[in-house]
Each structure stands twice: as C-alpha cells, then as structure tokens.
Amino acid sequence: MLVGLLVLDLHIPESNSLKAKRLVIKSLKDRIKNKFNTSVAEVDAQNLWQRSVIGISMVANETRIIQQVFEKIRCLVLDTHSVELIDAKVEIL
C-alpha cells in the first residue's frame, strides 16, 4: 500500500477578500474530490486573500497510478482560470 501526497501552492489573483477566496477554493476542492475520489484540504495560508496551499492525498497499490492521478489533478488546476499554480510537490510514502 502506498500513500501519495500532492501539495499545490496557488495564487488567486482576482480575490479581494477571504470570502471570495473561499468560494474559489471550495469549488476547486469539490471538483477534485468528486472527479478523482481523493482527500482534499486547505492546509496553509488560510488567512491570506490571494494565496492558498491545498493538500491532496490518495492511497493506491502502485506509484504509477498515484502519479497519473496527480498529473490529471495538476492539469485540472492549470485549466482553472480563477487560480494560478505556483508550485506542486509530490511525495509518495
């Protein structure tokens, strides 16, 4: 059993309040959860208007499966016009 962790550092350029940021982040988290069946949470920068750090985890039998899902998630985030991906880190335990 392998556990994969993906940490996404995001910039939300059009956010001018925490309420606007939370709306964007909640929508993104829900899309990731529903499409890829992973665990998703905002893990840092909760009080910053235009920054967010999202942690995503999943369990699988093979590293290849985890990497494929995380690449699809990264592509989904890159295609989301309301956020900019600053950094993505993958760790497999």
C-alpha atoms as a PDB file:
ATOM      1  CA  MET A   1       0.000   0.000   0.000  1.00  0.00           C
ATOM      2  CA  LEU A   2       1.309   3.425  -0.999  1.00  0.00           C
ATOM      3  CA  VAL A   3       0.128   6.848   0.122  1.00  0.00           C
ATOM      4  CA  GLY A   4       0.555   9.766  -2.247  1.00  0.00           C
ATOM      5  CA  LEU A   5       0.617  13.398  -1.149  1.00  0.00           C
ATOM      6  CA  LEU A   6       0.269  16.333  -3.529  1.00  0.00           C
ATOM      7  CA  VAL A   7       0.729  19.874  -2.225  1.00  0.00           C
ATOM      8  CA  LEU A   8      -0.431  22.689  -4.501  1.00  0.00           C
ATOM      9  CA  ASP A   9       0.650  26.266  -3.853  1.00  0.00           C
ATOM     10  CA  LEU A  10      -1.935  28.510  -5.501  1.00  0.00           C
ATOM     11  CA  HIS A  11      -2.373  32.196  -6.282  1.00  0.00           C
ATOM     12  CA  ILE A  12      -5.889  33.607  -6.657  1.00  0.00           C
ATOM     13  CA  PRO A  13      -5.291  36.924  -8.470  1.00  0.00           C
ATOM     14  CA  GLU A  14      -8.891  38.161  -8.625  1.00  0.00           C
ATOM     15  CA  SER A  15      -9.668  37.555  -4.955  1.00  0.00           C
ATOM     16  CA  ASN A  16     -10.207  40.736  -2.961  1.00  0.00           C
ATOM     17  CA  SER A  17     -11.485  39.157   0.259  1.00  0.00           C
ATOM     18  CA  LEU A  18     -11.338  35.928   2.220  1.00  0.00           C
ATOM     19  CA  LYS A  19     -14.945  35.245   1.238  1.00  0.00           C
ATOM     20  CA  ALA A  20     -14.086  35.445  -2.477  1.00  0.00           C
ATOM     21  CA  LYS A  21     -11.041  33.227  -1.955  1.00  0.00           C
ATOM     22  CA  ARG A  22     -13.019  30.606  -0.046  1.00  0.00           C
ATOM     23  CA  LEU A  23     -15.611  30.455  -2.825  1.00  0.00           C
ATOM     24  CA  VAL A  24     -12.915  29.725  -5.431  1.00  0.00           C
ATOM     25  CA  ILE A  25     -11.059  27.211  -3.221  1.00  0.00           C
ATOM     26  CA  LYS A  26     -14.237  25.372  -2.182  1.00  0.00           C
ATOM     27  CA  SER A  27     -15.251  24.989  -5.818  1.00  0.00           C
ATOM     28  CA  LEU A  28     -11.806  23.668  -6.767  1.00  0.00           C
ATOM     29  CA  LYS A  29     -11.682  21.263  -3.808  1.00  0.00           C
ATOM     30  CA  ASP A  30     -15.136  19.895  -4.613  1.00  0.00           C
ATOM     31  CA  ARG A  31     -14.235  19.308  -8.278  1.00  0.00           C
ATOM     32  CA  ILE A  32     -11.051  17.450  -7.295  1.00  0.00           C
ATOM     33  CA  LYS A  33     -12.847  15.311  -4.675  1.00  0.00           C
ATOM     34  CA  ASN A  34     -15.717  14.394  -6.986  1.00  0.00           C
ATOM     35  CA  LYS A  35     -13.658  13.702 -10.107  1.00  0.00           C
ATOM     36  CA  PHE A  36     -10.682  11.839  -8.593  1.00  0.00           C
ATOM     37  CA  ASN A  37     -12.024  10.419  -5.280  1.00  0.00           C
ATOM     38  CA  THR A  38      -9.168  11.874  -3.216  1.00  0.00           C
ATOM     39  CA  SER A  39      -8.945  13.626   0.138  1.00  0.00           C
ATOM     40  CA  VAL A  40      -8.512  17.398  -0.228  1.00  0.00           C
ATOM     41  CA  ALA A  41      -7.949  20.140   2.354  1.00  0.00           C
ATOM     42  CA  GLU A  42      -6.608  23.673   2.530  1.00  0.00           C
ATOM     43  CA  VAL A  43      -3.518  23.196   4.681  1.00  0.00           C
ATOM     44  CA  ASP A  44      -1.850  26.624   4.790  1.00  0.00           C
ATOM     45  CA  ALA A  45      -2.308  30.337   4.053  1.00  0.00           C
ATOM     46  CA  GLN A  46      -5.928  30.276   5.233  1.00  0.00           C
ATOM     47  CA  ASN A  47      -5.865  33.962   6.225  1.00  0.00           C
ATOM     48  CA  LEU A  48      -4.277  35.329   3.059  1.00  0.00           C
ATOM     49  CA  TRP A  49      -6.616  36.739   0.407  1.00  0.00           C
ATOM     50  CA  GLN A  50      -4.754  35.664  -2.703  1.00  0.00           C
ATOM     51  CA  ARG A  51      -2.803  32.572  -1.606  1.00  0.00           C
ATOM     52  CA  SER A  52      -3.789  29.042  -0.750  1.00  0.00           C
ATOM     53  CA  VAL A  53      -1.982  25.782  -0.139  1.00  0.00           C
ATOM     54  CA  ILE A  54      -4.044  22.677  -0.821  1.00  0.00           C
ATOM     55  CA  GLY A  55      -3.085  19.175   0.270  1.00  0.00           C
ATOM     56  CA  ILE A  56      -4.375  16.156  -1.643  1.00  0.00           C
ATOM     57  CA  SER A  57      -3.858  12.546  -0.619  1.00  0.00           C
ATOM     58  CA  MET A  58      -4.711   9.159  -2.053  1.00  0.00           C
ATOM     59  CA  VAL A  59      -3.928   5.500  -1.479  1.00  0.00           C
ATOM     60  CA  ALA A  60      -3.046   3.027  -4.244  1.00  0.00           C
ATOM     61  CA  ASN A  61      -1.108  -0.163  -4.915  1.00  0.00           C
ATOM     62  CA  GLU A  62       1.269   1.322  -7.483  1.00  0.00           C
ATOM     63  CA  THR A  63       3.289   4.522  -7.718  1.00  0.00           C
ATOM     64  CA  ARG A  64       2.304   4.854 -11.375  1.00  0.00           C
ATOM     65  CA  ILE A  65      -1.389   5.142 -10.510  1.00  0.00           C
ATOM     66  CA  ILE A  66      -0.745   7.875  -7.955  1.00  0.00           C
ATOM     67  CA  GLN A  67       1.445   9.810 -10.374  1.00  0.00           C
ATOM     68  CA  GLN A  68      -1.165   9.579 -13.147  1.00  0.00           C
ATOM     69  CA  VAL A  69      -3.967  10.869 -10.913  1.00  0.00           C
ATOM     70  CA  PHE A  70      -1.803  13.688  -9.548  1.00  0.00           C
ATOM     71  CA  GLU A  71      -0.834  14.730 -13.082  1.00  0.00           C
ATOM     72  CA  LYS A  72      -4.515  14.863 -14.051  1.00  0.00           C
ATOM     73  CA  ILE A  73      -5.234  16.986 -10.960  1.00  0.00           C
ATOM     74  CA  ARG A  74      -2.369  19.321 -11.860  1.00  0.00           C
ATOM     75  CA  CYS A  75      -3.790  19.694 -15.381  1.00  0.00           C
ATOM     76  CA  LEU A  76      -7.253  20.429 -13.964  1.00  0.00           C
ATOM     77  CA  VAL A  77      -5.777  23.180 -11.778  1.00  0.00           C
ATOM     78  CA  LEU A  78      -3.819  24.619 -14.719  1.00  0.00           C
ATOM     79  CA  ASP A  79      -7.052  24.747 -16.743  1.00  0.00           C
ATOM     80  CA  THR A  80      -8.875  26.613 -13.957  1.00  0.00           C
ATOM     81  CA  HIS A  81      -8.873  30.289 -14.913  1.00  0.00           C
ATOM     82  CA  SER A  82      -9.535  31.643 -11.411  1.00  0.00           C
ATOM     83  CA  VAL A  83      -6.294  30.214  -9.923  1.00  0.00           C
ATOM     84  CA  GLU A  84      -2.616  30.153 -10.866  1.00  0.00           C
ATOM     85  CA  LEU A  85      -0.406  27.222  -9.906  1.00  0.00           C
ATOM     86  CA  ILE A  86       2.773  28.459  -8.235  1.00  0.00           C
ATOM     87  CA  ASP A  87       4.228  25.105  -7.190  1.00  0.00           C
ATOM     88  CA  ALA A  88       3.274  21.437  -6.995  1.00  0.00           C
ATOM     89  CA  LYS A  89       5.088  18.921  -4.805  1.00  0.00           C
ATOM     90  CA  VAL A  90       4.525  15.177  -4.847  1.00  0.00           C
ATOM     91  CA  GLU A  91       5.552  12.804  -2.085  1.00  0.00           C
ATOM     92  CA  ILE A  92       4.920   9.062  -2.020  1.00  0.00           C
ATOM     93  CA  LEU A  93       5.144   7.196   1.276  1.00  0.00           C
END
